[in-house]
Amino acid sequence: MSRMWIVSLLAAGAIVSASAQAAPVPGLFNTGVDNSGVTLAAGAVDPHYTLIVSPDPAYPGPNAVVAFPIANGFWLANNATSQWIAPAMPQGYPSGGTPHPDGIYTYRLSFDLTGFDLATVNVTGGCAMDNTGTISLNGVSIGTNVGSYNPLTSFSINQGFVAGVNHLDFLVTNYAAGGSNPTGVRVQGLSGTGVTNASGVPGAGDASALKLLPCQPNPFNPQTTIRFDLPEAGNTRLAVFDLAGRLVTVLADASMTQGAHNITWDGRDAGGRKVGSGNYLARLEFGGFVRSVRMALVQ
């Protein structure tokens, strides 16, 4: 092979390497924290995790709240990086707790992998459950059994991801018991990385790229403001989806000027009907770029 061909191939490889960059996976949060990772107050609704299945008719979801008191001496103590979440706040034991019935309680965290090479994504973390349980990604078990509420059980995921929104479910089995019968889930150290294409993911090596900022307030009722910055003028689409990926409403679909924009969502669907309590995704599309942010409506 001639030196010219070798130089050409090396140059081509450099171009590919320059366009592919490792980036953190957005939307991965520990339990019991806000969008900045700061711990929430006791009883606050977790803005990231949704209780999608609950056998307790008194606490059917979708809100999962920060537990207090917790089963001290049994549960891993809350700390500055994560907290227990549960269907109801009081989770003391052997007294001072909620008499939850037995069954499987499912907590869901959703995150968006738009622009990522799915074969390169890896997500890791630690989890504790009361009493036991499993973890699934997009409806398929990851093969990790969580059999303890202290210490955490480590898990790692490197397959089963899909383009766009992914669902990480924590299926907690609560055993039958009389009186105070606490149940909950704790996720800590949750993080992920993957290779992205700099031309397809905003912010990959470009400080002036498209930005979608945390909504204010969040959680909210009856309305919240969605804030974003456009790097230049162009066609922009802002829509709201539920965590199952269904379109709720389109808030904007027009050409917009460069700079900061604020758009308010009043918690209604495209038909003007009020939607139910729960977590929703604001999805911003601009110039082939996509950003999404979670927001929690509390009735």
C-alpha atoms as a PDB file:
ATOM      1  CA  MET A   1       0.000   0.000   0.000  1.00  0.00           C
ATOM      2  CA  SER A   2       1.392   3.406  -0.970  1.00  0.00           C
ATOM      3  CA  ARG A   3       2.242   6.053   1.594  1.00  0.00           C
ATOM      4  CA  MET A   4      -0.409   8.320   0.055  1.00  0.00           C
ATOM      5  CA  TRP A   5      -3.148   5.744   0.640  1.00  0.00           C
ATOM      6  CA  ILE A   6      -1.983   5.213   4.208  1.00  0.00           C
ATOM      7  CA  VAL A   7      -2.073   8.954   4.892  1.00  0.00           C
ATOM      8  CA  SER A   8      -5.522   9.203   3.291  1.00  0.00           C
ATOM      9  CA  LEU A   9      -6.922   6.360   5.418  1.00  0.00           C
ATOM     10  CA  LEU A  10      -5.430   7.819   8.592  1.00  0.00           C
ATOM     11  CA  ALA A  11      -6.957  11.181   7.757  1.00  0.00           C
ATOM     12  CA  ALA A  12     -10.345   9.570   7.159  1.00  0.00           C
ATOM     13  CA  GLY A  13     -10.091   7.774  10.501  1.00  0.00           C
ATOM     14  CA  ALA A  14      -9.273  11.046  12.206  1.00  0.00           C
ATOM     15  CA  ILE A  15     -12.382  12.616  10.718  1.00  0.00           C
ATOM     16  CA  VAL A  16     -14.574   9.755  11.960  1.00  0.00           C
ATOM     17  CA  SER A  17     -12.975   9.904  15.423  1.00  0.00           C
ATOM     18  CA  ALA A  18     -13.469  13.656  15.552  1.00  0.00           C
ATOM     19  CA  SER A  19     -17.199  13.339  14.824  1.00  0.00           C
ATOM     20  CA  ALA A  20     -17.799  10.511  17.328  1.00  0.00           C
ATOM     21  CA  GLN A  21     -17.529  11.609  20.952  1.00  0.00           C
ATOM     22  CA  ALA A  22     -18.150  10.010  24.314  1.00  0.00           C
ATOM     23  CA  ALA A  23     -20.899  11.784  26.239  1.00  0.00           C
ATOM     24  CA  PRO A  24     -22.891  11.244  29.443  1.00  0.00           C
ATOM     25  CA  VAL A  25     -26.361   9.782  29.025  1.00  0.00           C
ATOM     26  CA  PRO A  26     -28.907  12.491  29.898  1.00  0.00           C
ATOM     27  CA  GLY A  27     -31.888  11.914  32.187  1.00  0.00           C
ATOM     28  CA  LEU A  28     -30.264   9.480  34.644  1.00  0.00           C
ATOM     29  CA  PHE A  29     -31.046  10.554  38.210  1.00  0.00           C
ATOM     30  CA  ASN A  30     -30.770   9.001  41.644  1.00  0.00           C
ATOM     31  CA  THR A  31     -33.990   8.645  43.600  1.00  0.00           C
ATOM     32  CA  GLY A  32     -35.110  11.561  45.741  1.00  0.00           C
ATOM     33  CA  VAL A  33     -33.248  14.402  43.996  1.00  0.00           C
ATOM     34  CA  ASP A  34     -34.164  17.372  41.827  1.00  0.00           C
ATOM     35  CA  ASN A  35     -32.871  18.209  38.341  1.00  0.00           C
ATOM     36  CA  SER A  36     -29.609  19.498  39.839  1.00  0.00           C
ATOM     37  CA  GLY A  37     -29.040  16.398  41.970  1.00  0.00           C
ATOM     38  CA  VAL A  38     -29.979  18.165  45.216  1.00  0.00           C
ATOM     39  CA  THR A  39     -31.992  16.045  47.654  1.00  0.00           C
ATOM     40  CA  LEU A  40     -35.697  16.799  47.933  1.00  0.00           C
ATOM     41  CA  ALA A  41     -37.657  17.465  51.100  1.00  0.00           C
ATOM     42  CA  ALA A  42     -39.482  14.622  52.848  1.00  0.00           C
ATOM     43  CA  GLY A  43     -42.798  13.916  51.137  1.00  0.00           C
ATOM     44  CA  ALA A  44     -41.811  15.723  47.925  1.00  0.00           C
ATOM     45  CA  VAL A  45     -42.824  14.136  44.639  1.00  0.00           C
ATOM     46  CA  ASP A  46     -39.848  12.704  42.780  1.00  0.00           C
ATOM     47  CA  PRO A  47     -39.762  14.527  39.397  1.00  0.00           C
ATOM     48  CA  HIS A  48     -37.959  11.676  37.628  1.00  0.00           C
ATOM     49  CA  TYR A  49     -39.447   8.395  38.856  1.00  0.00           C
ATOM     50  CA  THR A  50     -43.084   7.448  38.269  1.00  0.00           C
ATOM     51  CA  LEU A  51     -45.027   4.775  40.163  1.00  0.00           C
ATOM     52  CA  ILE A  52     -46.654   3.114  37.144  1.00  0.00           C
ATOM     53  CA  VAL A  53     -47.974   0.004  38.952  1.00  0.00           C
ATOM     54  CA  SER A  54     -49.231  -0.092  42.532  1.00  0.00           C
ATOM     55  CA  PRO A  55     -51.335  -2.791  44.250  1.00  0.00           C
ATOM     56  CA  ASP A  56     -52.212  -0.274  46.991  1.00  0.00           C
ATOM     57  CA  PRO A  57     -55.594   1.325  46.159  1.00  0.00           C
ATOM     58  CA  ALA A  58     -54.899   4.102  48.668  1.00  0.00           C
ATOM     59  CA  TYR A  59     -51.709   5.057  46.814  1.00  0.00           C
ATOM     60  CA  PRO A  60     -52.213   4.052  43.171  1.00  0.00           C
ATOM     61  CA  GLY A  61     -49.512   6.363  41.740  1.00  0.00           C
ATOM     62  CA  PRO A  62     -48.267   7.872  39.535  1.00  0.00           C
ATOM     63  CA  ASN A  63     -46.549   9.959  42.220  1.00  0.00           C
ATOM     64  CA  ALA A  64     -43.590   8.466  44.069  1.00  0.00           C
ATOM     65  CA  VAL A  65     -42.569  10.526  47.101  1.00  0.00           C
ATOM     66  CA  VAL A  66     -39.507  10.873  49.323  1.00  0.00           C
ATOM     67  CA  ALA A  67     -39.984   8.568  52.313  1.00  0.00           C
ATOM     68  CA  PHE A  68     -39.789   9.798  55.914  1.00  0.00           C
ATOM     69  CA  PRO A  69     -39.512   8.310  58.425  1.00  0.00           C
ATOM     70  CA  ILE A  70     -37.836   5.235  56.969  1.00  0.00           C
ATOM     71  CA  ALA A  71     -37.280   1.819  58.506  1.00  0.00           C
ATOM     72  CA  ASN A  72     -34.220   2.865  60.509  1.00  0.00           C
ATOM     73  CA  GLY A  73     -31.880  -0.010  61.271  1.00  0.00           C
ATOM     74  CA  PHE A  74     -33.247  -1.891  58.289  1.00  0.00           C
ATOM     75  CA  TRP A  75     -33.135   0.430  55.264  1.00  0.00           C
ATOM     76  CA  LEU A  76     -29.926   2.021  54.046  1.00  0.00           C
ATOM     77  CA  ALA A  77     -29.950   5.536  55.508  1.00  0.00           C
ATOM     78  CA  ASN A  78     -30.806   8.453  53.212  1.00  0.00           C
ATOM     79  CA  ASN A  79     -27.822  10.627  52.320  1.00  0.00           C
ATOM     80  CA  ALA A  80     -26.848  13.703  50.308  1.00  0.00           C
ATOM     81  CA  THR A  81     -26.837  11.852  46.978  1.00  0.00           C
ATOM     82  CA  SER A  82     -30.011   9.741  47.063  1.00  0.00           C
ATOM     83  CA  GLN A  83     -33.093   8.945  49.155  1.00  0.00           C
ATOM     84  CA  TRP A  84     -35.745   6.257  49.402  1.00  0.00           C
ATOM     85  CA  ILE A  85     -38.938   6.862  47.448  1.00  0.00           C
ATOM     86  CA  ALA A  86     -42.228   5.103  48.080  1.00  0.00           C
ATOM     87  CA  PRO A  87     -45.973   5.247  47.346  1.00  0.00           C
ATOM     88  CA  ALA A  88     -46.493   7.240  50.576  1.00  0.00           C
ATOM     89  CA  MET A  89     -44.206   9.277  52.839  1.00  0.00           C
ATOM     90  CA  PRO A  90     -44.376   7.375  56.193  1.00  0.00           C
ATOM     91  CA  GLN A  91     -42.286   4.202  55.884  1.00  0.00           C
ATOM     92  CA  GLY A  92     -41.246   3.611  59.480  1.00  0.00           C
ATOM     93  CA  TYR A  93     -40.867   0.136  60.998  1.00  0.00           C
ATOM     94  CA  PRO A  94     -41.950  -1.558  63.194  1.00  0.00           C
ATOM     95  CA  SER A  95     -44.249   1.415  63.705  1.00  0.00           C
ATOM     96  CA  GLY A  96     -44.846   4.770  62.053  1.00  0.00           C
ATOM     97  CA  GLY A  97     -45.247   3.307  58.581  1.00  0.00           C
ATOM     98  CA  THR A  98     -47.966   2.784  55.992  1.00  0.00           C
ATOM     99  CA  PRO A  99     -49.744  -0.613  55.857  1.00  0.00           C
ATOM    100  CA  HIS A 100     -49.040  -1.278  52.176  1.00  0.00           C
ATOM    101  CA  PRO A 101     -50.501  -4.522  50.800  1.00  0.00           C
ATOM    102  CA  ASP A 102     -48.298  -7.164  49.257  1.00  0.00           C
ATOM    103  CA  GLY A 103     -47.629  -7.206  45.527  1.00  0.00           C
ATOM    104  CA  ILE A 104     -45.332  -5.713  42.923  1.00  0.00           C
ATOM    105  CA  TYR A 105     -44.801  -1.944  42.855  1.00  0.00           C
ATOM    106  CA  THR A 106     -43.148  -0.686  39.655  1.00  0.00           C
ATOM    107  CA  TYR A 107     -41.166   2.569  39.495  1.00  0.00           C
ATOM    108  CA  ARG A 108     -40.138   3.929  36.093  1.00  0.00           C
ATOM    109  CA  LEU A 109     -37.313   6.232  35.018  1.00  0.00           C
ATOM    110  CA  SER A 110     -37.273   7.317  31.357  1.00  0.00           C
ATOM    111  CA  PHE A 111     -34.322   8.754  29.438  1.00  0.00           C
ATOM    112  CA  ASP A 112     -33.680   9.765  25.830  1.00  0.00           C
ATOM    113  CA  LEU A 113     -30.872   8.220  23.733  1.00  0.00           C
ATOM    114  CA  THR A 114     -31.517  10.203  20.566  1.00  0.00           C
ATOM    115  CA  GLY A 115     -28.199  10.708  18.779  1.00  0.00           C
ATOM    116  CA  PHE A 116     -26.343   7.916  20.632  1.00  0.00           C
ATOM    117  CA  ASP A 117     -24.716   4.834  19.111  1.00  0.00           C
ATOM    118  CA  LEU A 118     -26.748   2.273  21.073  1.00  0.00           C
ATOM    119  CA  ALA A 119     -23.999  -0.362  20.866  1.00  0.00           C
ATOM    120  CA  THR A 120     -21.708   1.889  22.926  1.00  0.00           C
ATOM    121  CA  VAL A 121     -24.121   2.857  25.719  1.00  0.00           C
ATOM    122  CA  ASN A 122     -23.412   1.564  29.224  1.00  0.00           C
ATOM    123  CA  VAL A 123     -25.492   2.386  32.324  1.00  0.00           C
ATOM    124  CA  THR A 124     -24.466   1.470  35.869  1.00  0.00           C
ATOM    125  CA  GLY A 125     -25.778   2.064  39.353  1.00  0.00           C
ATOM    126  CA  GLY A 126     -26.788   0.595  42.677  1.00  0.00           C
ATOM    127  CA  CYS A 127     -30.256  -0.299  43.944  1.00  0.00           C
ATOM    128  CA  ALA A 128     -32.001  -1.381  47.133  1.00  0.00           C
ATOM    129  CA  MET A 129     -35.597  -2.525  47.524  1.00  0.00           C
ATOM    130  CA  ASP A 130     -38.004  -3.512  50.279  1.00  0.00           C
ATOM    131  CA  ASN A 131     -38.553  -6.381  50.147  1.00  0.00           C
ATOM    132  CA  THR A 132     -36.959  -7.715  46.930  1.00  0.00           C
ATOM    133  CA  GLY A 133     -37.266  -7.200  43.210  1.00  0.00           C
ATOM    134  CA  THR A 134     -35.831  -7.006  39.726  1.00  0.00           C
ATOM    135  CA  ILE A 135     -34.872  -4.384  37.139  1.00  0.00           C
ATOM    136  CA  SER A 136     -35.982  -4.268  33.515  1.00  0.00           C
ATOM    137  CA  LEU A 137     -35.067  -2.144  30.504  1.00  0.00           C
ATOM    138  CA  ASN A 138     -37.803  -1.552  27.934  1.00  0.00           C
ATOM    139  CA  GLY A 139     -39.815  -4.439  29.346  1.00  0.00           C
ATOM    140  CA  VAL A 140     -36.949  -6.977  29.402  1.00  0.00           C
ATOM    141  CA  SER A 141     -35.233  -8.077  32.620  1.00  0.00           C
ATOM    142  CA  ILE A 142     -31.551  -7.117  32.866  1.00  0.00           C
ATOM    143  CA  GLY A 143     -30.889 -10.260  34.919  1.00  0.00           C
ATOM    144  CA  THR A 144     -30.191  -8.537  38.236  1.00  0.00           C
ATOM    145  CA  ASN A 145     -32.083  -9.656  41.337  1.00  0.00           C
ATOM    146  CA  VAL A 146     -32.220  -7.151  44.188  1.00  0.00           C
ATOM    147  CA  GLY A 147     -32.636  -9.026  47.460  1.00  0.00           C
ATOM    148  CA  SER A 148     -31.631  -6.445  50.017  1.00  0.00           C
ATOM    149  CA  TYR A 149     -32.563  -3.048  51.410  1.00  0.00           C
ATOM    150  CA  ASN A 150     -29.047  -2.625  52.816  1.00  0.00           C
ATOM    151  CA  PRO A 151     -26.510  -2.622  51.178  1.00  0.00           C
ATOM    152  CA  LEU A 152     -27.088  -1.597  47.558  1.00  0.00           C
ATOM    153  CA  THR A 153     -27.009  -4.187  44.775  1.00  0.00           C
ATOM    154  CA  SER A 154     -24.854  -3.079  41.836  1.00  0.00           C
ATOM    155  CA  PHE A 155     -26.120  -3.410  38.267  1.00  0.00           C
ATOM    156  CA  SER A 156     -24.778  -2.733  34.776  1.00  0.00           C
ATOM    157  CA  ILE A 157     -26.612  -2.502  31.444  1.00  0.00           C
ATOM    158  CA  ASN A 158     -24.934  -2.551  28.024  1.00  0.00           C
ATOM    159  CA  GLN A 159     -27.656  -3.899  25.748  1.00  0.00           C
ATOM    160  CA  GLY A 160     -31.395  -3.645  25.116  1.00  0.00           C
ATOM    161  CA  PHE A 161     -31.411   0.099  24.457  1.00  0.00           C
ATOM    162  CA  VAL A 162     -33.623   1.632  21.765  1.00  0.00           C
ATOM    163  CA  ALA A 163     -33.386   4.844  19.778  1.00  0.00           C
ATOM    164  CA  GLY A 164     -35.296   7.677  21.453  1.00  0.00           C
ATOM    165  CA  VAL A 165     -36.966   7.269  24.858  1.00  0.00           C
ATOM    166  CA  ASN A 166     -35.971   4.252  26.998  1.00  0.00           C
ATOM    167  CA  HIS A 167     -37.755   2.978  30.116  1.00  0.00           C
ATOM    168  CA  LEU A 168     -35.830   1.666  33.133  1.00  0.00           C
ATOM    169  CA  ASP A 169     -38.250  -0.083  35.496  1.00  0.00           C
ATOM    170  CA  PHE A 170     -37.647  -1.126  39.110  1.00  0.00           C
ATOM    171  CA  LEU A 171     -40.110  -3.877  40.066  1.00  0.00           C
ATOM    172  CA  VAL A 172     -40.350  -4.032  43.861  1.00  0.00           C
ATOM    173  CA  THR A 173     -42.006  -7.048  45.518  1.00  0.00           C
ATOM    174  CA  ASN A 174     -43.555  -6.242  48.893  1.00  0.00           C
ATOM    175  CA  TYR A 175     -44.315  -9.187  51.172  1.00  0.00           C
ATOM    176  CA  ALA A 176     -47.513  -9.440  53.179  1.00  0.00           C
ATOM    177  CA  ALA A 177     -47.330  -8.240  56.792  1.00  0.00           C
ATOM    178  CA  GLY A 178     -49.635  -6.849  59.440  1.00  0.00           C
ATOM    179  CA  GLY A 179     -49.539  -3.244  60.642  1.00  0.00           C
ATOM    180  CA  SER A 180     -46.732  -1.057  59.384  1.00  0.00           C
ATOM    181  CA  ASN A 181     -45.519  -2.645  56.133  1.00  0.00           C
ATOM    182  CA  PRO A 182     -43.007  -0.334  54.436  1.00  0.00           C
ATOM    183  CA  THR A 183     -41.964  -0.704  50.822  1.00  0.00           C
ATOM    184  CA  GLY A 184     -39.824   1.446  48.564  1.00  0.00           C
ATOM    185  CA  VAL A 185     -36.884   1.709  46.208  1.00  0.00           C
ATOM    186  CA  ARG A 186     -33.512   3.421  46.415  1.00  0.00           C
ATOM    187  CA  VAL A 187     -31.286   4.112  43.367  1.00  0.00           C
ATOM    188  CA  GLN A 188     -27.835   5.607  43.842  1.00  0.00           C
ATOM    189  CA  GLY A 189     -24.783   6.201  41.659  1.00  0.00           C
ATOM    190  CA  LEU A 190     -26.835   5.994  38.478  1.00  0.00           C
ATOM    191  CA  SER A 191     -24.867   7.145  35.441  1.00  0.00           C
ATOM    192  CA  GLY A 192     -24.179   6.227  31.849  1.00  0.00           C
ATOM    193  CA  THR A 193     -22.001   7.023  28.858  1.00  0.00           C
ATOM    194  CA  GLY A 194     -22.126   6.404  25.139  1.00  0.00           C
ATOM    195  CA  VAL A 195     -20.650   7.529  21.846  1.00  0.00           C
ATOM    196  CA  THR A 196     -22.533  10.291  20.089  1.00  0.00           C
ATOM    197  CA  ASN A 197     -22.235  11.957  16.734  1.00  0.00           C
ATOM    198  CA  ALA A 198     -21.309  15.606  17.216  1.00  0.00           C
ATOM    199  CA  SER A 199     -23.594  16.597  14.354  1.00  0.00           C
ATOM    200  CA  GLY A 200     -26.563  14.791  15.872  1.00  0.00           C
ATOM    201  CA  VAL A 201     -26.449  15.578  19.570  1.00  0.00           C
ATOM    202  CA  PRO A 202     -26.558  19.161  20.844  1.00  0.00           C
ATOM    203  CA  GLY A 203     -23.749  20.120  23.166  1.00  0.00           C
ATOM    204  CA  ALA A 204     -21.312  17.453  21.922  1.00  0.00           C
ATOM    205  CA  GLY A 205     -18.186  19.613  21.851  1.00  0.00           C
ATOM    206  CA  ASP A 206     -20.062  22.838  21.008  1.00  0.00           C
ATOM    207  CA  ALA A 207     -20.749  25.212  23.877  1.00  0.00           C
ATOM    208  CA  SER A 208     -23.122  27.310  21.726  1.00  0.00           C
ATOM    209  CA  ALA A 209     -25.346  24.349  20.779  1.00  0.00           C
ATOM    210  CA  LEU A 210     -29.039  24.005  21.429  1.00  0.00           C
ATOM    211  CA  LYS A 211     -29.966  24.148  25.131  1.00  0.00           C
ATOM    212  CA  LEU A 212     -33.133  22.991  26.860  1.00  0.00           C
ATOM    213  CA  LEU A 213     -33.119  24.144  30.475  1.00  0.00           C
ATOM    214  CA  PRO A 214     -34.976  22.713  33.502  1.00  0.00           C
ATOM    215  CA  CYS A 215     -38.631  23.734  33.648  1.00  0.00           C
ATOM    216  CA  GLN A 216     -39.760  26.196  36.310  1.00  0.00           C
ATOM    217  CA  PRO A 217     -41.459  25.300  38.544  1.00  0.00           C
ATOM    218  CA  ASN A 218     -40.998  21.524  38.588  1.00  0.00           C
ATOM    219  CA  PRO A 219     -43.028  19.777  39.971  1.00  0.00           C
ATOM    220  CA  PHE A 220     -45.814  22.157  38.945  1.00  0.00           C
ATOM    221  CA  ASN A 221     -49.521  22.930  39.168  1.00  0.00           C
ATOM    222  CA  PRO A 222     -51.234  24.323  37.192  1.00  0.00           C
ATOM    223  CA  GLN A 223     -48.519  25.437  34.731  1.00  0.00           C
ATOM    224  CA  THR A 224     -44.773  25.428  34.114  1.00  0.00           C
ATOM    225  CA  THR A 225     -42.407  27.399  31.899  1.00  0.00           C
ATOM    226  CA  ILE A 226     -40.190  25.540  29.425  1.00  0.00           C
ATOM    227  CA  ARG A 227     -36.980  27.473  28.720  1.00  0.00           C
ATOM    228  CA  PHE A 228     -34.573  26.971  25.831  1.00  0.00           C
ATOM    229  CA  ASP A 229     -31.817  28.739  23.891  1.00  0.00           C
ATOM    230  CA  LEU A 230     -31.443  28.546  20.111  1.00  0.00           C
ATOM    231  CA  PRO A 231     -27.920  28.888  18.655  1.00  0.00           C
ATOM    232  CA  GLU A 232     -29.387  30.554  15.555  1.00  0.00           C
ATOM    233  CA  ALA A 233     -32.735  31.352  13.940  1.00  0.00           C
ATOM    234  CA  GLY A 234     -34.613  28.427  12.423  1.00  0.00           C
ATOM    235  CA  ASN A 235     -37.582  26.103  12.453  1.00  0.00           C
ATOM    236  CA  THR A 236     -38.295  24.892  15.985  1.00  0.00           C
ATOM    237  CA  ARG A 237     -40.732  22.337  17.372  1.00  0.00           C
ATOM    238  CA  LEU A 238     -41.583  21.953  21.055  1.00  0.00           C
ATOM    239  CA  ALA A 239     -43.953  19.161  22.057  1.00  0.00           C
ATOM    240  CA  VAL A 240     -45.068  17.347  25.206  1.00  0.00           C
ATOM    241  CA  PHE A 241     -45.142  13.546  25.431  1.00  0.00           C
ATOM    242  CA  ASP A 242     -46.176  11.151  28.169  1.00  0.00           C
ATOM    243  CA  LEU A 243     -43.678   8.530  29.349  1.00  0.00           C
ATOM    244  CA  ALA A 244     -45.222   5.915  27.047  1.00  0.00           C
ATOM    245  CA  GLY A 245     -44.115   8.065  24.096  1.00  0.00           C
ATOM    246  CA  ARG A 246     -47.614   9.312  23.204  1.00  0.00           C
ATOM    247  CA  LEU A 247     -47.925  12.892  21.962  1.00  0.00           C
ATOM    248  CA  VAL A 248     -49.867  15.069  24.410  1.00  0.00           C
ATOM    249  CA  THR A 249     -49.690  18.437  22.668  1.00  0.00           C
ATOM    250  CA  VAL A 250     -47.511  20.590  20.418  1.00  0.00           C
ATOM    251  CA  LEU A 251     -46.611  23.897  22.046  1.00  0.00           C
ATOM    252  CA  ALA A 252     -44.673  25.421  19.143  1.00  0.00           C
ATOM    253  CA  ASP A 253     -43.891  24.529  15.541  1.00  0.00           C
ATOM    254  CA  ALA A 254     -42.587  27.602  13.741  1.00  0.00           C
ATOM    255  CA  SER A 255     -39.518  29.585  12.790  1.00  0.00           C
ATOM    256  CA  MET A 256     -37.962  31.256  15.840  1.00  0.00           C
ATOM    257  CA  THR A 257     -35.233  33.812  16.395  1.00  0.00           C
ATOM    258  CA  GLN A 258     -31.826  33.118  17.892  1.00  0.00           C
ATOM    259  CA  GLY A 259     -31.530  33.328  21.670  1.00  0.00           C
ATOM    260  CA  ALA A 260     -33.605  32.584  24.753  1.00  0.00           C
ATOM    261  CA  HIS A 261     -37.264  31.545  24.606  1.00  0.00           C
ATOM    262  CA  ASN A 262     -39.873  30.763  27.272  1.00  0.00           C
ATOM    263  CA  ILE A 263     -43.033  28.780  26.530  1.00  0.00           C
ATOM    264  CA  THR A 264     -45.673  27.925  29.127  1.00  0.00           C
ATOM    265  CA  TRP A 265     -47.515  24.613  29.316  1.00  0.00           C
ATOM    266  CA  ASP A 266     -50.769  24.689  31.243  1.00  0.00           C
ATOM    267  CA  GLY A 267     -51.101  20.937  31.747  1.00  0.00           C
ATOM    268  CA  ARG A 268     -53.621  20.460  28.940  1.00  0.00           C
ATOM    269  CA  ASP A 269     -53.591  18.214  25.890  1.00  0.00           C
ATOM    270  CA  ALA A 270     -54.123  19.211  22.264  1.00  0.00           C
ATOM    271  CA  GLY A 271     -57.891  19.174  22.815  1.00  0.00           C
ATOM    272  CA  GLY A 272     -57.717  21.569  25.781  1.00  0.00           C
ATOM    273  CA  ARG A 273     -58.401  18.845  28.339  1.00  0.00           C
ATOM    274  CA  LYS A 274     -56.503  18.734  31.628  1.00  0.00           C
ATOM    275  CA  VAL A 275     -54.113  15.786  31.777  1.00  0.00           C
ATOM    276  CA  GLY A 276     -53.588  13.630  34.852  1.00  0.00           C
ATOM    277  CA  SER A 277     -50.885  13.872  37.472  1.00  0.00           C
ATOM    278  CA  GLY A 278     -47.570  12.324  36.514  1.00  0.00           C
ATOM    279  CA  ASN A 279     -44.299  12.804  34.667  1.00  0.00           C
ATOM    280  CA  TYR A 280     -44.110  14.167  31.123  1.00  0.00           C
ATOM    281  CA  LEU A 281     -41.350  14.917  28.627  1.00  0.00           C
ATOM    282  CA  ALA A 282     -40.873  18.259  26.892  1.00  0.00           C
ATOM    283  CA  ARG A 283     -39.126  17.488  23.577  1.00  0.00           C
ATOM    284  CA  LEU A 284     -37.351  20.229  21.643  1.00  0.00           C
ATOM    285  CA  GLU A 285     -36.364  19.710  17.985  1.00  0.00           C
ATOM    286  CA  PHE A 286     -34.172  22.138  16.068  1.00  0.00           C
ATOM    287  CA  GLY A 287     -31.976  21.685  13.009  1.00  0.00           C
ATOM    288  CA  GLY A 288     -31.839  17.910  13.396  1.00  0.00           C
ATOM    289  CA  PHE A 289     -30.971  18.263  17.087  1.00  0.00           C
ATOM    290  CA  VAL A 290     -33.192  16.897  19.860  1.00  0.00           C
ATOM    291  CA  ARG A 291     -33.350  17.743  23.547  1.00  0.00           C
ATOM    292  CA  SER A 292     -35.798  16.500  26.181  1.00  0.00           C
ATOM    293  CA  VAL A 293     -36.473  17.356  29.813  1.00  0.00           C
ATOM    294  CA  ARG A 294     -38.723  15.753  32.431  1.00  0.00           C
ATOM    295  CA  MET A 295     -41.497  17.645  34.206  1.00  0.00           C
ATOM    296  CA  ALA A 296     -43.927  16.475  36.890  1.00  0.00           C
ATOM    297  CA  LEU A 297     -47.547  17.620  37.097  1.00  0.00           C
ATOM    298  CA  VAL A 298     -49.007  17.336  40.594  1.00  0.00           C
ATOM    299  CA  GLN A 299     -52.766  17.784  40.978  1.00  0.00           C
END
